[in-house]
Amino acid sequence: MDIQQRMTAFALLGATWVMWLLIGLSVVSVAIMLERAYFFAVTRDDIDALRKELLESLRRGDLAAARKRMQGSRSFEASFAMAGLDSAADGAAAATERIAGEEKIARLRMERNLAFLGTVGNNAPFVGLLGTVIGIIRAFHSLDQSQGKVTAGLMMDIGEALVATAIGIMVAIPAVAAFNYGQRVIKTRLSRGAALGSDVVSYLLSSRHHDHSAAAE
């Protein structure tokens, strides 16, 4: 049996398994979307108010109050500022490195499982196309078996081919939308976190400058 005959025999098994695969991918994708939506929701905070309180505490030189406020927030943005505050005694350079490390950890936590959505979004249409190809092969086989007559089996194979493509597209669109939205949320939160971290570093640099000026006097 040559390769063409093997592929034909495989195609004659039907595209039902392709559609079940797509449905399975859809279920997993929806589960990830719901989990990520909940995760992003519970790690939100009013960043404008948070930054305002942080700056007020830093202007007073009250690092204890700043730490307390950052610890009370479940947001990733607050963790950036907290990393800098924890390194205050080591200087601005150490705080900058700690903040950079916190950014990497935060990114990994927020990107968890998003790669799966991106993969499904990019490849589900091709899986559906595979089902379409299998359905068309079965349709031609049915046409050959019926000696050119249009039969119920032929129409069923054609319908199966079209449905496979439609399901592939329907699975891909929500996955791509959720992936893009997640990436946008991550980019925004990392930028806001970096801003809070910069506020802490700026305070440490200004405090060091004041200390040096006082020592020079």
C-alpha atoms as a PDB file:
ATOM      1  CA  MET A   1       0.000   0.000   0.000  1.00  0.00           C
ATOM      2  CA  ASP A   2       1.558   3.325  -1.113  1.00  0.00           C
ATOM      3  CA  ILE A   3       1.356   6.602   0.776  1.00  0.00           C
ATOM      4  CA  GLN A   4      -1.656   7.826  -1.208  1.00  0.00           C
ATOM      5  CA  GLN A   5      -3.648   4.718  -0.352  1.00  0.00           C
ATOM      6  CA  ARG A   6      -2.687   5.032   3.313  1.00  0.00           C
ATOM      7  CA  MET A   7      -3.804   8.658   3.422  1.00  0.00           C
ATOM      8  CA  THR A   8      -7.067   7.789   1.667  1.00  0.00           C
ATOM      9  CA  ALA A   9      -7.737   4.983   4.144  1.00  0.00           C
ATOM     10  CA  PHE A  10      -7.052   7.397   6.996  1.00  0.00           C
ATOM     11  CA  ALA A  11      -9.381  10.009   5.525  1.00  0.00           C
ATOM     12  CA  LEU A  12     -12.172   7.490   5.130  1.00  0.00           C
ATOM     13  CA  LEU A  13     -12.237   7.108   8.911  1.00  0.00           C
ATOM     14  CA  GLY A  14     -14.022  10.455   8.966  1.00  0.00           C
ATOM     15  CA  ALA A  15     -13.495  13.929  10.399  1.00  0.00           C
ATOM     16  CA  THR A  16     -15.597  13.412  13.509  1.00  0.00           C
ATOM     17  CA  TRP A  17     -12.472  13.074  15.653  1.00  0.00           C
ATOM     18  CA  VAL A  18     -11.260  16.450  14.342  1.00  0.00           C
ATOM     19  CA  MET A  19     -14.445  18.146  15.511  1.00  0.00           C
ATOM     20  CA  TRP A  20     -14.229  16.474  18.915  1.00  0.00           C
ATOM     21  CA  LEU A  21     -10.619  17.657  19.168  1.00  0.00           C
ATOM     22  CA  LEU A  22     -11.709  21.215  18.381  1.00  0.00           C
ATOM     23  CA  ILE A  23     -14.499  21.014  20.950  1.00  0.00           C
ATOM     24  CA  GLY A  24     -12.000  19.776  23.531  1.00  0.00           C
ATOM     25  CA  LEU A  25      -9.637  22.644  22.725  1.00  0.00           C
ATOM     26  CA  SER A  26     -12.557  25.047  23.022  1.00  0.00           C
ATOM     27  CA  VAL A  27     -13.489  23.745  26.478  1.00  0.00           C
ATOM     28  CA  VAL A  28      -9.914  24.059  27.724  1.00  0.00           C
ATOM     29  CA  SER A  29      -9.628  27.550  26.217  1.00  0.00           C
ATOM     30  CA  VAL A  30     -12.800  28.731  27.946  1.00  0.00           C
ATOM     31  CA  ALA A  31     -11.548  27.324  31.255  1.00  0.00           C
ATOM     32  CA  ILE A  32      -8.286  29.252  30.867  1.00  0.00           C
ATOM     33  CA  MET A  33     -10.161  32.442  29.932  1.00  0.00           C
ATOM     34  CA  LEU A  34     -12.321  32.214  33.051  1.00  0.00           C
ATOM     35  CA  GLU A  35      -9.319  31.441  35.274  1.00  0.00           C
ATOM     36  CA  ARG A  36      -7.291  34.335  33.877  1.00  0.00           C
ATOM     37  CA  ALA A  37     -10.261  36.713  34.117  1.00  0.00           C
ATOM     38  CA  TYR A  38     -10.697  35.817  37.794  1.00  0.00           C
ATOM     39  CA  PHE A  39      -6.954  36.114  38.401  1.00  0.00           C
ATOM     40  CA  PHE A  40      -6.758  39.580  36.833  1.00  0.00           C
ATOM     41  CA  ALA A  41      -9.872  40.678  38.711  1.00  0.00           C
ATOM     42  CA  VAL A  42      -8.619  39.701  42.172  1.00  0.00           C
ATOM     43  CA  THR A  43      -5.226  41.327  41.580  1.00  0.00           C
ATOM     44  CA  ARG A  44      -6.655  44.706  40.618  1.00  0.00           C
ATOM     45  CA  ASP A  45      -6.382  47.903  42.611  1.00  0.00           C
ATOM     46  CA  ASP A  46      -6.992  51.606  42.166  1.00  0.00           C
ATOM     47  CA  ILE A  47      -3.486  52.382  40.951  1.00  0.00           C
ATOM     48  CA  ASP A  48      -4.007  56.149  40.817  1.00  0.00           C
ATOM     49  CA  ALA A  49      -5.031  56.213  44.480  1.00  0.00           C
ATOM     50  CA  LEU A  50      -2.283  53.737  45.349  1.00  0.00           C
ATOM     51  CA  ARG A  51       0.385  55.887  43.727  1.00  0.00           C
ATOM     52  CA  LYS A  52      -0.950  59.021  45.387  1.00  0.00           C
ATOM     53  CA  GLU A  53      -0.731  57.422  48.831  1.00  0.00           C
ATOM     54  CA  LEU A  54       2.739  56.081  48.058  1.00  0.00           C
ATOM     55  CA  LEU A  55       4.020  59.505  47.027  1.00  0.00           C
ATOM     56  CA  GLU A  56       2.505  61.138  50.103  1.00  0.00           C
ATOM     57  CA  SER A  57       4.257  58.621  52.361  1.00  0.00           C
ATOM     58  CA  LEU A  58       7.558  59.073  50.527  1.00  0.00           C
ATOM     59  CA  ARG A  59       7.370  62.861  50.764  1.00  0.00           C
ATOM     60  CA  ARG A  60       6.965  62.490  54.528  1.00  0.00           C
ATOM     61  CA  GLY A  61       9.839  60.034  54.594  1.00  0.00           C
ATOM     62  CA  ASP A  62       7.493  57.497  56.188  1.00  0.00           C
ATOM     63  CA  LEU A  63       8.693  54.223  54.637  1.00  0.00           C
ATOM     64  CA  ALA A  64       6.797  52.183  57.223  1.00  0.00           C
ATOM     65  CA  ALA A  65       3.482  53.681  56.076  1.00  0.00           C
ATOM     66  CA  ALA A  66       4.442  53.126  52.443  1.00  0.00           C
ATOM     67  CA  ARG A  67       5.272  49.475  53.123  1.00  0.00           C
ATOM     68  CA  LYS A  68       2.013  48.955  55.008  1.00  0.00           C
ATOM     69  CA  ARG A  69      -0.030  50.365  52.140  1.00  0.00           C
ATOM     70  CA  MET A  70       1.795  48.303  49.529  1.00  0.00           C
ATOM     71  CA  GLN A  71       1.404  45.125  51.591  1.00  0.00           C
ATOM     72  CA  GLY A  72      -2.327  45.781  51.822  1.00  0.00           C
ATOM     73  CA  SER A  73      -2.681  45.701  48.045  1.00  0.00           C
ATOM     74  CA  ARG A  74      -2.982  42.455  46.083  1.00  0.00           C
ATOM     75  CA  SER A  75      -1.953  44.140  42.849  1.00  0.00           C
ATOM     76  CA  PHE A  76       1.232  43.350  40.977  1.00  0.00           C
ATOM     77  CA  GLU A  77       1.918  47.052  40.719  1.00  0.00           C
ATOM     78  CA  ALA A  78       2.235  47.277  44.498  1.00  0.00           C
ATOM     79  CA  SER A  79       4.746  44.418  44.483  1.00  0.00           C
ATOM     80  CA  PHE A  80       7.089  46.544  42.348  1.00  0.00           C
ATOM     81  CA  ALA A  81       7.055  49.341  44.899  1.00  0.00           C
ATOM     82  CA  MET A  82       7.379  46.815  47.723  1.00  0.00           C
ATOM     83  CA  ALA A  83      10.496  45.328  46.122  1.00  0.00           C
ATOM     84  CA  GLY A  84      12.073  48.778  46.028  1.00  0.00           C
ATOM     85  CA  LEU A  85      11.062  49.615  49.601  1.00  0.00           C
ATOM     86  CA  ASP A  86      12.503  46.339  50.882  1.00  0.00           C
ATOM     87  CA  SER A  87      15.849  47.321  49.337  1.00  0.00           C
ATOM     88  CA  ALA A  88      15.807  50.901  50.609  1.00  0.00           C
ATOM     89  CA  ALA A  89      18.642  50.263  53.060  1.00  0.00           C
ATOM     90  CA  ASP A  90      20.834  48.888  50.244  1.00  0.00           C
ATOM     91  CA  GLY A  91      20.503  51.962  48.043  1.00  0.00           C
ATOM     92  CA  ALA A  92      18.853  52.941  44.777  1.00  0.00           C
ATOM     93  CA  ALA A  93      20.930  50.575  42.606  1.00  0.00           C
ATOM     94  CA  ALA A  94      19.932  47.536  44.632  1.00  0.00           C
ATOM     95  CA  ALA A  95      16.295  48.677  44.619  1.00  0.00           C
ATOM     96  CA  THR A  96      16.391  49.011  40.834  1.00  0.00           C
ATOM     97  CA  GLU A  97      17.663  45.455  40.456  1.00  0.00           C
ATOM     98  CA  ARG A  98      15.042  44.107  42.845  1.00  0.00           C
ATOM     99  CA  ILE A  99      12.305  45.889  40.928  1.00  0.00           C
ATOM    100  CA  ALA A 100      13.591  44.442  37.636  1.00  0.00           C
ATOM    101  CA  GLY A 101      13.518  40.970  39.165  1.00  0.00           C
ATOM    102  CA  GLU A 102       9.988  41.519  40.459  1.00  0.00           C
ATOM    103  CA  GLU A 103       8.908  42.559  36.978  1.00  0.00           C
ATOM    104  CA  LYS A 104      10.099  39.249  35.517  1.00  0.00           C
ATOM    105  CA  ILE A 105       8.278  37.244  38.190  1.00  0.00           C
ATOM    106  CA  ALA A 106       5.095  39.265  37.716  1.00  0.00           C
ATOM    107  CA  ARG A 107       5.220  38.786  33.948  1.00  0.00           C
ATOM    108  CA  LEU A 108       5.566  35.015  34.298  1.00  0.00           C
ATOM    109  CA  ARG A 109       2.632  34.828  36.706  1.00  0.00           C
ATOM    110  CA  MET A 110       0.375  36.961  34.530  1.00  0.00           C
ATOM    111  CA  GLU A 111       1.292  35.158  31.294  1.00  0.00           C
ATOM    112  CA  ARG A 112       0.502  31.738  32.744  1.00  0.00           C
ATOM    113  CA  ASN A 113      -1.487  29.624  30.216  1.00  0.00           C
ATOM    114  CA  LEU A 114      -1.840  32.515  27.761  1.00  0.00           C
ATOM    115  CA  ALA A 115       0.551  30.757  25.389  1.00  0.00           C
ATOM    116  CA  PHE A 116      -2.024  27.955  25.070  1.00  0.00           C
ATOM    117  CA  LEU A 117      -4.669  30.464  23.964  1.00  0.00           C
ATOM    118  CA  GLY A 118      -2.260  31.927  21.429  1.00  0.00           C
ATOM    119  CA  THR A 119      -1.443  28.470  20.073  1.00  0.00           C
ATOM    120  CA  VAL A 120      -5.108  27.497  19.801  1.00  0.00           C
ATOM    121  CA  GLY A 121      -5.977  30.790  18.146  1.00  0.00           C
ATOM    122  CA  ASN A 122      -3.248  30.370  15.536  1.00  0.00           C
ATOM    123  CA  ASN A 123      -3.779  26.685  14.788  1.00  0.00           C
ATOM    124  CA  ALA A 124      -7.478  25.883  15.304  1.00  0.00           C
ATOM    125  CA  PRO A 125      -8.381  27.036  11.755  1.00  0.00           C
ATOM    126  CA  PHE A 126      -5.758  24.657  10.355  1.00  0.00           C
ATOM    127  CA  VAL A 127      -7.167  21.793  12.416  1.00  0.00           C
ATOM    128  CA  GLY A 128     -10.589  22.678  11.030  1.00  0.00           C
ATOM    129  CA  LEU A 129      -9.095  22.751   7.548  1.00  0.00           C
ATOM    130  CA  LEU A 130      -7.773  19.233   8.123  1.00  0.00           C
ATOM    131  CA  GLY A 131     -11.325  18.150   8.892  1.00  0.00           C
ATOM    132  CA  THR A 132     -12.479  19.858   5.717  1.00  0.00           C
ATOM    133  CA  VAL A 133      -9.891  18.033   3.614  1.00  0.00           C
ATOM    134  CA  ILE A 134     -10.900  14.718   5.160  1.00  0.00           C
ATOM    135  CA  GLY A 135     -14.566  15.478   4.487  1.00  0.00           C
ATOM    136  CA  ILE A 136     -13.872  16.344   0.851  1.00  0.00           C
ATOM    137  CA  ILE A 137     -11.892  13.128   0.356  1.00  0.00           C
ATOM    138  CA  ARG A 138     -14.794  11.150   1.818  1.00  0.00           C
ATOM    139  CA  ALA A 139     -17.199  13.056  -0.432  1.00  0.00           C
ATOM    140  CA  PHE A 140     -15.214  12.157  -3.562  1.00  0.00           C
ATOM    141  CA  HIS A 141     -15.057   8.557  -2.381  1.00  0.00           C
ATOM    142  CA  SER A 142     -18.820   8.509  -1.857  1.00  0.00           C
ATOM    143  CA  LEU A 143     -19.302  10.062  -5.314  1.00  0.00           C
ATOM    144  CA  ASP A 144     -17.127   7.378  -6.841  1.00  0.00           C
ATOM    145  CA  GLN A 145     -18.983   4.615  -5.014  1.00  0.00           C
ATOM    146  CA  SER A 146     -22.352   5.967  -6.149  1.00  0.00           C
ATOM    147  CA  GLN A 147     -21.119   6.253  -9.775  1.00  0.00           C
ATOM    148  CA  GLY A 148     -21.660   9.996  -9.905  1.00  0.00           C
ATOM    149  CA  LYS A 149     -25.045  10.082  -8.218  1.00  0.00           C
ATOM    150  CA  VAL A 150     -25.747  12.578  -5.434  1.00  0.00           C
ATOM    151  CA  THR A 151     -26.594  10.571  -2.345  1.00  0.00           C
ATOM    152  CA  ALA A 152     -27.398  11.360   1.272  1.00  0.00           C
ATOM    153  CA  GLY A 153     -23.965  10.057   2.238  1.00  0.00           C
ATOM    154  CA  LEU A 154     -22.299  12.444  -0.201  1.00  0.00           C
ATOM    155  CA  MET A 155     -24.191  15.429   1.155  1.00  0.00           C
ATOM    156  CA  MET A 156     -23.358  14.384   4.719  1.00  0.00           C
ATOM    157  CA  ASP A 157     -19.645  14.249   3.916  1.00  0.00           C
ATOM    158  CA  ILE A 158     -19.757  17.708   2.325  1.00  0.00           C
ATOM    159  CA  GLY A 159     -21.651  19.096   5.294  1.00  0.00           C
ATOM    160  CA  GLU A 160     -19.115  17.541   7.664  1.00  0.00           C
ATOM    161  CA  ALA A 161     -16.298  19.208   5.738  1.00  0.00           C
ATOM    162  CA  LEU A 162     -17.888  22.651   5.967  1.00  0.00           C
ATOM    163  CA  VAL A 163     -18.774  22.262   9.645  1.00  0.00           C
ATOM    164  CA  ALA A 164     -15.163  21.370  10.497  1.00  0.00           C
ATOM    165  CA  THR A 165     -13.912  24.648   9.030  1.00  0.00           C
ATOM    166  CA  ALA A 166     -16.615  26.644  10.801  1.00  0.00           C
ATOM    167  CA  ILE A 167     -15.830  25.067  14.179  1.00  0.00           C
ATOM    168  CA  GLY A 168     -12.117  25.732  13.701  1.00  0.00           C
ATOM    169  CA  ILE A 169     -12.794  29.432  13.105  1.00  0.00           C
ATOM    170  CA  MET A 170     -15.253  29.633  16.005  1.00  0.00           C
ATOM    171  CA  VAL A 171     -12.656  28.139  18.363  1.00  0.00           C
ATOM    172  CA  ALA A 172      -9.866  30.400  17.106  1.00  0.00           C
ATOM    173  CA  ILE A 173     -11.592  33.800  17.321  1.00  0.00           C
ATOM    174  CA  PRO A 174     -12.318  33.832  21.102  1.00  0.00           C
ATOM    175  CA  ALA A 175      -8.883  32.370  21.843  1.00  0.00           C
ATOM    176  CA  VAL A 176      -7.104  35.089  19.840  1.00  0.00           C
ATOM    177  CA  ALA A 177      -9.266  37.819  21.380  1.00  0.00           C
ATOM    178  CA  ALA A 178      -8.580  36.570  24.913  1.00  0.00           C
ATOM    179  CA  PHE A 179      -4.848  36.236  24.212  1.00  0.00           C
ATOM    180  CA  ASN A 180      -4.594  39.781  22.833  1.00  0.00           C
ATOM    181  CA  TYR A 181      -6.625  41.185  25.724  1.00  0.00           C
ATOM    182  CA  GLY A 182      -4.440  39.366  28.235  1.00  0.00           C
ATOM    183  CA  GLN A 183      -1.270  40.697  26.649  1.00  0.00           C
ATOM    184  CA  ARG A 184      -2.701  44.216  26.735  1.00  0.00           C
ATOM    185  CA  VAL A 185      -3.580  43.899  30.423  1.00  0.00           C
ATOM    186  CA  ILE A 186      -0.100  42.578  31.220  1.00  0.00           C
ATOM    187  CA  LYS A 187       1.607  45.401  29.322  1.00  0.00           C
ATOM    188  CA  THR A 188      -0.501  48.002  31.128  1.00  0.00           C
ATOM    189  CA  ARG A 189       0.101  46.543  34.566  1.00  0.00           C
ATOM    190  CA  LEU A 190       3.824  46.177  34.043  1.00  0.00           C
ATOM    191  CA  SER A 191       4.026  49.802  32.940  1.00  0.00           C
ATOM    192  CA  ARG A 192       2.094  50.970  35.988  1.00  0.00           C
ATOM    193  CA  GLY A 193       4.221  48.803  38.254  1.00  0.00           C
ATOM    194  CA  ALA A 194       7.387  50.245  36.722  1.00  0.00           C
ATOM    195  CA  ALA A 195       6.041  53.732  37.440  1.00  0.00           C
ATOM    196  CA  LEU A 196       5.539  52.896  41.124  1.00  0.00           C
ATOM    197  CA  GLY A 197       8.979  51.344  41.266  1.00  0.00           C
ATOM    198  CA  SER A 198      10.478  54.474  39.696  1.00  0.00           C
ATOM    199  CA  ASP A 199       8.820  56.587  42.383  1.00  0.00           C
ATOM    200  CA  VAL A 200      10.570  54.565  45.064  1.00  0.00           C
ATOM    201  CA  VAL A 201      13.927  54.712  43.285  1.00  0.00           C
ATOM    202  CA  SER A 202      13.573  58.475  42.795  1.00  0.00           C
ATOM    203  CA  TYR A 203      12.929  58.863  46.520  1.00  0.00           C
ATOM    204  CA  LEU A 204      16.002  56.798  47.367  1.00  0.00           C
ATOM    205  CA  LEU A 205      18.166  58.829  44.997  1.00  0.00           C
ATOM    206  CA  SER A 206      16.913  62.129  46.390  1.00  0.00           C
ATOM    207  CA  SER A 207      17.384  60.922  49.964  1.00  0.00           C
ATOM    208  CA  ARG A 208      20.950  59.904  49.155  1.00  0.00           C
ATOM    209  CA  HIS A 209      21.604  63.301  47.594  1.00  0.00           C
ATOM    210  CA  HIS A 210      20.246  65.075  50.649  1.00  0.00           C
ATOM    211  CA  ASP A 211      22.336  62.896  52.935  1.00  0.00           C
ATOM    212  CA  HIS A 212      25.481  63.692  50.948  1.00  0.00           C
ATOM    213  CA  SER A 213      24.686  67.402  50.993  1.00  0.00           C
ATOM    214  CA  ALA A 214      24.124  67.356  54.726  1.00  0.00           C
ATOM    215  CA  ALA A 215      27.427  65.486  55.244  1.00  0.00           C
ATOM    216  CA  ALA A 216      29.286  68.001  53.081  1.00  0.00           C
ATOM    217  CA  GLU A 217      27.982  70.871  55.174  1.00  0.00           C
END
